[in-house]
Amino acid sequence: MAYSKKEDFDKDTTEDLVKQYQNVIDLLGEDTEREGLLKTPQRVAKAMQFMTQGYKQDAVAILNSARFREDISEMVIVKDIELYSMCEHHMLPFFGKAHIAYIPNGYITGLSKLARVVDVFSRRLQVQERLTTQILSAIKESLNPLGVAVVIEAKHLCMMMRGVQKQNSVTTTSAFDGEFLNNHVTRNEFLKLISSRLS
């Protein structure tokens, strides 16, 4: 039986993108009829749709789909969530990890939903600063917690491959709300926990 991979992409969008990427490759001086490049425009068209699928997703709806009443008010942390995004300035990847915490105020959400929220916003053309605050805002809107904290650490290929070409630079951004913003003890506990290895 022949190998068959099933993918779901908008046909018209894919066809339009294929034409555009053929033009880009031609303008760069390559031959789109060369064997290795014959299917490249189609591959890139599909890859870009996958890497920007967050535009079609609703982070708050994802959180609300697994929203449970729970009378606890202890800090919940999910750390080291892998993220991959695209810098909107150069359309080059940046990648790293996100650390999220919230203090419930009557409701909790499924832990995997926090990772999905990271994916929703990272799979768009982004800047790390906005990505950090968008994650926080979605959690705040859905759960109305006593506090939310988000820290992202990432490497940007626009700094590593071009421009200043600094290979070891890491960008860290943070956003705090509620108890994490107003209570330095709570904030410091979060920062200590995401920096430690408990196992």
Protein backbone atom coordinates (compact mmCIF):
# COMPACT_ATOMS: atom_id res chain seq x y z
CA MET A 1 0.00 0.00 0.00
CA ALA A 2 1.34 3.45 -0.94
CA TYR A 3 2.14 5.96 1.78
CA SER A 4 -0.53 8.63 2.20
CA LYS A 5 -0.46 11.55 4.61
CA LYS A 6 -3.76 13.26 5.38
CA GLU A 7 -3.61 17.02 5.89
CA ASP A 8 -6.34 19.61 6.19
CA PHE A 9 -5.42 22.94 4.59
CA ASP A 10 -7.60 25.50 2.85
CA LYS A 11 -7.27 24.75 -0.85
CA ASP A 12 -7.56 28.33 -2.14
CA THR A 13 -5.17 29.73 0.47
CA THR A 14 -2.65 26.98 -0.28
CA GLU A 15 -2.80 27.60 -4.03
CA ASP A 16 -2.34 31.36 -3.56
CA LEU A 17 0.59 30.85 -1.19
CA VAL A 18 2.23 28.36 -3.57
CA LYS A 19 2.25 30.99 -6.33
CA GLN A 20 3.73 33.59 -3.98
CA TYR A 21 6.48 31.28 -2.76
CA GLN A 22 7.32 30.29 -6.35
CA ASN A 23 7.81 34.00 -7.05
CA VAL A 24 9.98 34.43 -3.95
CA ILE A 25 12.22 31.51 -4.93
CA ASP A 26 12.53 32.88 -8.48
CA LEU A 27 13.41 36.35 -7.17
CA LEU A 28 16.16 34.83 -4.99
CA GLY A 29 17.77 33.46 -8.15
CA GLU A 30 16.82 29.80 -7.79
CA ASP A 31 15.13 27.53 -10.30
CA THR A 32 11.69 26.37 -9.12
CA GLU A 33 11.83 23.64 -11.77
CA ARG A 34 14.88 22.06 -10.15
CA GLU A 35 14.04 18.63 -8.71
CA GLY A 36 14.75 19.56 -5.10
CA LEU A 37 12.56 22.66 -5.33
CA LEU A 38 9.61 21.30 -7.30
CA LYS A 39 7.41 20.80 -4.24
CA THR A 40 9.05 23.39 -1.99
CA PRO A 41 6.46 26.15 -2.56
CA GLN A 42 3.69 23.72 -1.60
CA ARG A 43 5.59 22.51 1.47
CA VAL A 44 6.26 26.06 2.64
CA ALA A 45 2.63 27.08 2.01
CA LYS A 46 1.43 24.26 4.24
CA ALA A 47 4.12 24.84 6.86
CA MET A 48 3.22 28.51 7.17
CA GLN A 49 -0.45 27.70 7.59
CA PHE A 50 0.43 25.22 10.34
CA MET A 51 2.78 27.66 12.08
CA THR A 52 0.15 30.42 12.05
CA GLN A 53 -2.92 28.34 12.89
CA GLY A 54 -3.31 30.25 16.15
CA TYR A 55 -5.22 32.95 14.29
CA LYS A 56 -8.10 30.49 13.95
CA GLN A 57 -8.11 29.39 17.59
CA ASP A 58 -9.67 30.89 20.72
CA ALA A 59 -7.54 30.60 23.84
CA VAL A 60 -10.33 31.54 26.25
CA ALA A 61 -12.66 28.93 24.72
CA ILE A 62 -9.92 26.31 25.16
CA LEU A 63 -9.53 27.18 28.85
CA ASN A 64 -13.30 27.24 29.38
CA SER A 65 -13.65 23.79 27.80
CA ALA A 66 -11.97 22.31 30.89
CA ARG A 67 -13.00 24.79 33.59
CA PHE A 68 -13.85 23.14 36.88
CA ARG A 69 -15.17 24.52 40.15
CA GLU A 70 -12.63 23.88 42.92
CA ASP A 71 -12.37 25.65 46.26
CA ILE A 72 -8.61 25.90 46.50
CA SER A 73 -6.38 28.95 46.50
CA GLU A 74 -2.91 27.44 46.28
CA MET A 75 -0.50 28.32 43.50
CA VAL A 76 -0.66 26.15 40.37
CA ILE A 77 2.47 26.15 38.19
CA VAL A 78 3.16 24.56 34.83
CA LYS A 79 6.74 25.24 33.81
CA ASP A 80 9.03 24.44 30.91
CA ILE A 81 6.24 24.53 28.31
CA GLU A 82 7.96 24.32 24.93
CA LEU A 83 7.07 27.07 22.50
CA TYR A 84 7.88 27.78 18.88
CA SER A 85 6.86 31.02 17.24
CA MET A 86 7.66 33.34 14.33
CA CYS A 87 9.13 36.81 14.80
CA GLU A 88 6.83 39.24 13.00
CA HIS A 89 9.72 41.53 12.06
CA HIS A 90 11.76 39.03 10.02
CA MET A 91 9.47 35.98 9.93
CA LEU A 92 12.22 33.89 11.46
CA PRO A 93 11.55 31.46 14.34
CA PHE A 94 12.05 32.05 18.00
CA PHE A 95 11.78 29.20 20.46
CA GLY A 96 12.07 28.49 24.14
CA LYS A 97 9.88 27.77 27.11
CA ALA A 98 7.06 29.35 29.04
CA HIS A 99 6.37 29.15 32.77
CA ILE A 100 2.82 29.84 33.92
CA ALA A 101 1.29 30.11 37.38
CA TYR A 102 -2.09 31.12 38.67
CA ILE A 103 -3.83 31.20 42.05
CA PRO A 104 -7.37 29.83 41.70
CA ASN A 105 -10.35 31.88 42.76
CA GLY A 106 -13.03 29.20 42.67
CA TYR A 107 -12.05 27.67 39.32
CA ILE A 108 -9.20 25.63 37.88
CA THR A 109 -8.54 24.45 34.34
CA GLY A 110 -7.02 21.33 32.84
CA LEU A 111 -3.24 21.55 32.98
CA SER A 112 -2.86 20.71 29.29
CA LYS A 113 -5.06 23.69 28.45
CA LEU A 114 -2.35 26.05 29.70
CA ALA A 115 0.07 24.51 27.20
CA ARG A 116 -2.55 24.85 24.48
CA VAL A 117 -2.94 28.54 25.27
CA VAL A 118 0.79 28.95 24.73
CA ASP A 119 0.39 27.25 21.34
CA VAL A 120 -2.57 29.42 20.32
CA PHE A 121 -0.63 32.64 20.74
CA SER A 122 2.80 31.37 19.69
CA ARG A 123 1.42 30.05 16.39
CA ARG A 124 1.00 33.55 15.04
CA LEU A 125 3.39 36.21 13.82
CA GLN A 126 4.57 37.49 17.17
CA VAL A 127 6.86 39.47 19.39
CA GLN A 128 7.79 37.83 22.66
CA GLU A 129 6.59 40.78 24.72
CA ARG A 130 3.04 40.56 23.32
CA LEU A 131 3.00 36.77 23.51
CA THR A 132 3.69 36.96 27.25
CA THR A 133 0.84 39.37 27.98
CA GLN A 134 -1.64 37.59 25.69
CA ILE A 135 -1.18 34.33 27.61
CA LEU A 136 -1.72 36.16 30.90
CA SER A 137 -4.82 37.98 29.64
CA ALA A 138 -6.49 34.79 28.40
CA ILE A 139 -6.00 33.03 31.75
CA LYS A 140 -7.25 36.10 33.62
CA GLU A 141 -10.35 36.37 31.43
CA SER A 142 -11.29 32.70 31.69
CA LEU A 143 -10.53 31.89 35.32
CA ASN A 144 -10.59 35.28 37.08
CA PRO A 145 -7.83 34.00 39.39
CA LEU A 146 -6.38 35.78 42.40
CA GLY A 147 -3.17 36.16 40.41
CA VAL A 148 -1.45 35.12 37.19
CA ALA A 149 2.25 35.00 36.30
CA VAL A 150 3.89 34.26 32.97
CA VAL A 151 7.62 34.11 32.23
CA ILE A 152 9.03 33.27 28.80
CA GLU A 153 12.66 32.52 27.95
CA ALA A 154 13.47 32.28 24.24
CA LYS A 155 16.18 32.36 21.61
CA HIS A 156 15.52 34.38 18.46
CA LEU A 157 16.96 33.31 15.12
CA CYS A 158 16.67 36.91 13.90
CA MET A 159 19.46 37.67 16.40
CA MET A 160 21.38 34.44 15.83
CA MET A 161 21.33 34.00 12.04
CA ARG A 162 21.43 37.62 10.86
CA GLY A 163 22.08 41.11 12.19
CA VAL A 164 24.20 40.99 15.34
CA GLN A 165 24.59 37.17 15.11
CA LYS A 166 24.73 36.59 18.87
CA GLN A 167 24.42 32.84 19.33
CA ASN A 168 23.98 32.61 23.09
CA SER A 169 21.61 35.45 23.86
CA VAL A 170 18.35 34.58 25.62
CA THR A 171 15.42 36.96 25.91
CA THR A 172 13.32 36.79 29.08
CA THR A 173 9.95 38.48 29.40
CA SER A 174 7.49 38.44 32.29
CA ALA A 175 3.97 39.55 33.08
CA PHE A 176 2.32 39.54 36.51
CA ASP A 177 -1.19 40.27 37.71
CA GLY A 178 -3.02 40.26 41.03
CA GLU A 179 -1.16 38.59 43.88
CA PHE A 180 1.94 38.07 41.74
CA LEU A 181 2.08 41.77 40.96
CA ASN A 182 1.15 43.12 44.39
CA ASN A 183 2.77 40.59 46.73
CA HIS A 184 6.54 40.24 46.39
CA VAL A 185 6.55 37.09 48.57
CA THR A 186 4.18 35.32 46.19
CA ARG A 187 6.11 36.55 43.16
CA ASN A 188 9.44 35.45 44.63
CA GLU A 189 8.04 32.00 45.48
CA PHE A 190 6.97 31.58 41.84
CA LEU A 191 10.35 32.73 40.51
CA LYS A 192 12.17 30.41 42.91
CA LEU A 193 10.02 27.42 41.94
CA ILE A 194 10.47 27.86 38.19
CA SER A 195 14.22 28.13 38.71
CA SER A 196 14.52 24.98 40.82
CA ARG A 197 14.66 21.29 39.95
CA LEU A 198 12.38 19.46 42.38
CA SER A 199 13.05 15.91 41.16
